[in-house]
PDB file of N, CA and C in Angstrom:
ATOM      1  N   UNK A   1      22.409 -33.359 -44.670  1.00  0.00           N
ATOM      2  CA  UNK A   1      23.061 -34.337 -45.520  1.00  0.00           C
ATOM      3  C   UNK A   1      23.018 -35.684 -44.793  1.00  0.00           C
ATOM      4  N   UNK A   2      22.720 -36.751 -45.515  1.00  0.00           N
ATOM      5  CA  UNK A   2      22.604 -38.075 -44.928  1.00  0.00           C
ATOM      6  C   UNK A   2      23.891 -38.868 -44.988  1.00  0.00           C
ATOM      7  N   UNK A   3      23.827 -40.059 -44.477  1.00  0.00           N
ATOM      8  CA  UNK A   3      24.962 -40.973 -44.464  1.00  0.00           C
ATOM      9  C   UNK A   3      24.643 -42.148 -45.370  1.00  0.00           C
ATOM     10  N   UNK A   4      25.609 -42.554 -46.177  1.00  0.00           N
ATOM     11  CA  UNK A   4      25.445 -43.710 -47.061  1.00  0.00           C
ATOM     12  C   UNK A   4      26.418 -44.803 -46.646  1.00  0.00           C
ATOM     13  N   UNK A   5      26.058 -46.041 -46.957  1.00  0.00           N
ATOM     14  CA  UNK A   5      26.883 -47.198 -46.610  1.00  0.00           C
ATOM     15  C   UNK A   5      27.225 -47.967 -47.876  1.00  0.00           C
ATOM     16  N   UNK A   6      28.362 -48.645 -47.813  1.00  0.00           N
ATOM     17  CA  UNK A   6      28.768 -49.476 -48.933  1.00  0.00           C
ATOM     18  C   UNK A   6      29.464 -50.708 -48.400  1.00  0.00           C
ATOM     19  N   UNK A   7      29.039 -51.862 -48.859  1.00  0.00           N
ATOM     20  CA  UNK A   7      29.742 -53.099 -48.553  1.00  0.00           C
ATOM     21  C   UNK A   7      30.729 -53.373 -49.677  1.00  0.00           C
ATOM     22  N   UNK A   8      31.940 -53.732 -49.351  1.00  0.00           N
ATOM     23  CA  UNK A   8      32.922 -54.005 -50.398  1.00  0.00           C
ATOM     24  C   UNK A   8      33.819 -55.160 -50.013  1.00  0.00           C
ATOM     25  N   UNK A   9      34.443 -55.716 -51.010  1.00  0.00           N
ATOM     26  CA  UNK A   9      35.373 -56.816 -50.832  1.00  0.00           C
ATOM     27  C   UNK A   9      36.667 -56.273 -50.221  1.00  0.00           C
ATOM     28  N   UNK A  10      37.151 -56.864 -49.126  1.00  0.00           N
ATOM     29  CA  UNK A  10      38.400 -56.375 -48.514  1.00  0.00           C
ATOM     30  C   UNK A  10      39.597 -56.384 -49.470  1.00  0.00           C
ATOM     31  N   UNK A  11      39.556 -57.195 -50.493  1.00  0.00           N
ATOM     32  CA  UNK A  11      40.639 -57.213 -51.484  1.00  0.00           C
ATOM     33  C   UNK A  11      40.736 -55.856 -52.177  1.00  0.00           C
ATOM     34  N   UNK A  12      39.617 -55.175 -52.324  1.00  0.00           N
ATOM     35  CA  UNK A  12      39.579 -53.871 -53.002  1.00  0.00           C
ATOM     36  C   UNK A  12      39.592 -52.712 -52.024  1.00  0.00           C
ATOM     37  N   UNK A  13      39.920 -52.960 -50.764  1.00  0.00           N
ATOM     38  CA  UNK A  13      39.829 -51.913 -49.747  1.00  0.00           C
ATOM     39  C   UNK A  13      40.851 -50.794 -49.918  1.00  0.00           C
ATOM     40  N   UNK A  14      41.827 -50.970 -50.803  1.00  0.00           N
ATOM     41  CA  UNK A  14      42.803 -49.902 -51.039  1.00  0.00           C
ATOM     42  C   UNK A  14      42.134 -48.692 -51.690  1.00  0.00           C
ATOM     43  N   UNK A  15      40.992 -48.890 -52.335  1.00  0.00           N
ATOM     44  CA  UNK A  15      40.262 -47.795 -52.973  1.00  0.00           C
ATOM     45  C   UNK A  15      38.761 -48.109 -52.943  1.00  0.00           C
ATOM     46  N   UNK A  16      38.159 -48.103 -51.745  1.00  0.00           N
ATOM     47  CA  UNK A  16      36.784 -48.587 -51.602  1.00  0.00           C
ATOM     48  C   UNK A  16      35.706 -47.721 -52.241  1.00  0.00           C
ATOM     49  N   UNK A  17      35.995 -46.482 -52.601  1.00  0.00           N
ATOM     50  CA  UNK A  17      34.959 -45.662 -53.223  1.00  0.00           C
ATOM     51  C   UNK A  17      35.252 -45.358 -54.690  1.00  0.00           C
ATOM     52  N   UNK A  18      36.100 -46.164 -55.321  1.00  0.00           N
ATOM     53  CA  UNK A  18      36.454 -45.905 -56.715  1.00  0.00           C
ATOM     54  C   UNK A  18      35.397 -46.386 -57.696  1.00  0.00           C
ATOM     55  N   UNK A  19      34.717 -47.506 -57.411  1.00  0.00           N
ATOM     56  CA  UNK A  19      33.771 -48.077 -58.367  1.00  0.00           C
ATOM     57  C   UNK A  19      34.436 -48.815 -59.509  1.00  0.00           C
ATOM     58  N   UNK A  20      35.757 -48.983 -59.456  1.00  0.00           N
ATOM     59  CA  UNK A  20      36.485 -49.634 -60.544  1.00  0.00           C
ATOM     60  C   UNK A  20      36.184 -51.127 -60.661  1.00  0.00           C
ATOM     61  N   UNK A  21      35.842 -51.772 -59.548  1.00  0.00           N
ATOM     62  CA  UNK A  21      35.523 -53.200 -59.602  1.00  0.00           C
ATOM     63  C   UNK A  21      34.311 -53.472 -60.470  1.00  0.00           C
ATOM     64  N   UNK A  22      33.312 -52.621 -60.402  1.00  0.00           N
ATOM     65  CA  UNK A  22      32.123 -52.808 -61.232  1.00  0.00           C
ATOM     66  C   UNK A  22      32.424 -52.525 -62.703  1.00  0.00           C
ATOM     67  N   UNK A  23      33.442 -51.735 -62.988  1.00  0.00           N
ATOM     68  CA  UNK A  23      33.803 -51.441 -64.376  1.00  0.00           C
ATOM     69  C   UNK A  23      34.443 -52.645 -65.052  1.00  0.00           C
ATOM     70  N   UNK A  24      35.069 -53.518 -64.283  1.00  0.00           N
ATOM     71  CA  UNK A  24      35.758 -54.674 -64.858  1.00  0.00           C
ATOM     72  C   UNK A  24      34.772 -55.665 -65.469  1.00  0.00           C
ATOM     73  N   UNK A  25      33.719 -55.993 -64.724  1.00  0.00           N
ATOM     74  CA  UNK A  25      32.792 -57.025 -65.197  1.00  0.00           C
ATOM     75  C   UNK A  25      31.397 -56.497 -65.500  1.00  0.00           C
ATOM     76  N   UNK A  26      31.153 -55.239 -65.227  1.00  0.00           N
ATOM     77  CA  UNK A  26      29.791 -54.727 -65.359  1.00  0.00           C
ATOM     78  C   UNK A  26      29.007 -55.121 -64.121  1.00  0.00           C
ATOM     79  N   UNK A  27      27.840 -54.572 -63.966  1.00  0.00           N
ATOM     80  CA  UNK A  27      27.051 -54.869 -62.787  1.00  0.00           C
ATOM     81  C   UNK A  27      25.577 -54.822 -63.096  1.00  0.00           C
ATOM     82  N   UNK A  28      24.791 -54.699 -62.071  1.00  0.00           N
ATOM     83  CA  UNK A  28      23.339 -54.681 -62.241  1.00  0.00           C
ATOM     84  C   UNK A  28      22.888 -53.449 -63.023  1.00  0.00           C
ATOM     85  N   UNK A  29      23.520 -52.294 -62.784  1.00  0.00           N
ATOM     86  CA  UNK A  29      23.077 -51.053 -63.415  1.00  0.00           C
ATOM     87  C   UNK A  29      24.162 -50.369 -64.244  1.00  0.00           C
ATOM     88  N   UNK A  30      25.203 -51.077 -64.597  1.00  0.00           N
ATOM     89  CA  UNK A  30      26.255 -50.473 -65.411  1.00  0.00           C
ATOM     90  C   UNK A  30      26.812 -51.477 -66.411  1.00  0.00           C
ATOM     91  N   UNK A  31      27.418 -50.945 -67.459  1.00  0.00           N
ATOM     92  CA  UNK A  31      28.041 -51.783 -68.494  1.00  0.00           C
ATOM     93  C   UNK A  31      29.522 -51.977 -68.174  1.00  0.00           C
ATOM     94  N   UNK A  32      30.159 -52.906 -68.891  1.00  0.00           N
ATOM     95  CA  UNK A  32      31.612 -53.078 -68.768  1.00  0.00           C
ATOM     96  C   UNK A  32      32.298 -51.758 -69.098  1.00  0.00           C
ATOM     97  N   UNK A  33      33.307 -51.421 -68.329  1.00  0.00           N
ATOM     98  CA  UNK A  33      34.064 -50.193 -68.559  1.00  0.00           C
ATOM     99  C   UNK A  33      33.454 -48.951 -67.921  1.00  0.00           C
ATOM    100  N   UNK A  34      32.322 -49.089 -67.267  1.00  0.00           N
ATOM    101  CA  UNK A  34      31.629 -47.967 -66.644  1.00  0.00           C
ATOM    102  C   UNK A  34      31.668 -48.126 -65.119  1.00  0.00           C
ATOM    103  N   UNK A  35      32.467 -47.330 -64.449  1.00  0.00           N
ATOM    104  CA  UNK A  35      32.595 -47.431 -62.988  1.00  0.00           C
ATOM    105  C   UNK A  35      31.318 -46.944 -62.311  1.00  0.00           C
ATOM    106  N   UNK A  36      30.835 -47.716 -61.347  1.00  0.00           N
ATOM    107  CA  UNK A  36      29.599 -47.383 -60.629  1.00  0.00           C
ATOM    108  C   UNK A  36      29.788 -47.651 -59.161  1.00  0.00           C
ATOM    109  N   UNK A  37      29.287 -46.781 -58.332  1.00  0.00           N
ATOM    110  CA  UNK A  37      29.380 -46.927 -56.897  1.00  0.00           C
ATOM    111  C   UNK A  37      27.989 -47.237 -56.360  1.00  0.00           C
ATOM    112  N   UNK A  38      27.806 -48.430 -55.804  1.00  0.00           N
ATOM    113  CA  UNK A  38      26.520 -48.862 -55.251  1.00  0.00           C
ATOM    114  C   UNK A  38      26.489 -48.518 -53.760  1.00  0.00           C
ATOM    115  N   UNK A  39      25.488 -47.746 -53.363  1.00  0.00           N
ATOM    116  CA  UNK A  39      25.359 -47.309 -51.973  1.00  0.00           C
ATOM    117  C   UNK A  39      23.975 -47.646 -51.430  1.00  0.00           C
ATOM    118  N   UNK A  40      23.855 -47.628 -50.111  1.00  0.00           N
ATOM    119  CA  UNK A  40      22.599 -47.861 -49.441  1.00  0.00           C
ATOM    120  C   UNK A  40      22.418 -46.835 -48.324  1.00  0.00           C
ATOM    121  N   UNK A  41      21.182 -46.501 -48.045  1.00  0.00           N
ATOM    122  CA  UNK A  41      20.904 -45.593 -46.939  1.00  0.00           C
ATOM    123  C   UNK A  41      20.784 -46.332 -45.608  1.00  0.00           C
ATOM    124  N   UNK A  42      20.638 -47.668 -45.659  1.00  0.00           N
ATOM    125  CA  UNK A  42      20.565 -48.521 -44.473  1.00  0.00           C
ATOM    126  C   UNK A  42      21.707 -49.524 -44.484  1.00  0.00           C
ATOM    127  N   UNK A  43      22.142 -49.919 -43.310  1.00  0.00           N
ATOM    128  CA  UNK A  43      23.229 -50.913 -43.221  1.00  0.00           C
ATOM    129  C   UNK A  43      22.796 -52.235 -43.736  1.00  0.00           C
TER     130      UNK A  43
END
């Protein structure tokens, strides 16, 4: 099993793996209301 990394805004650090921030405004690969967690295999 590998390791994944995620950069996040410290304001949202109370729940850094929720994906709720992307649900508020939508993102590159998700629509509004759809929580998405963006990860990377490299730092």
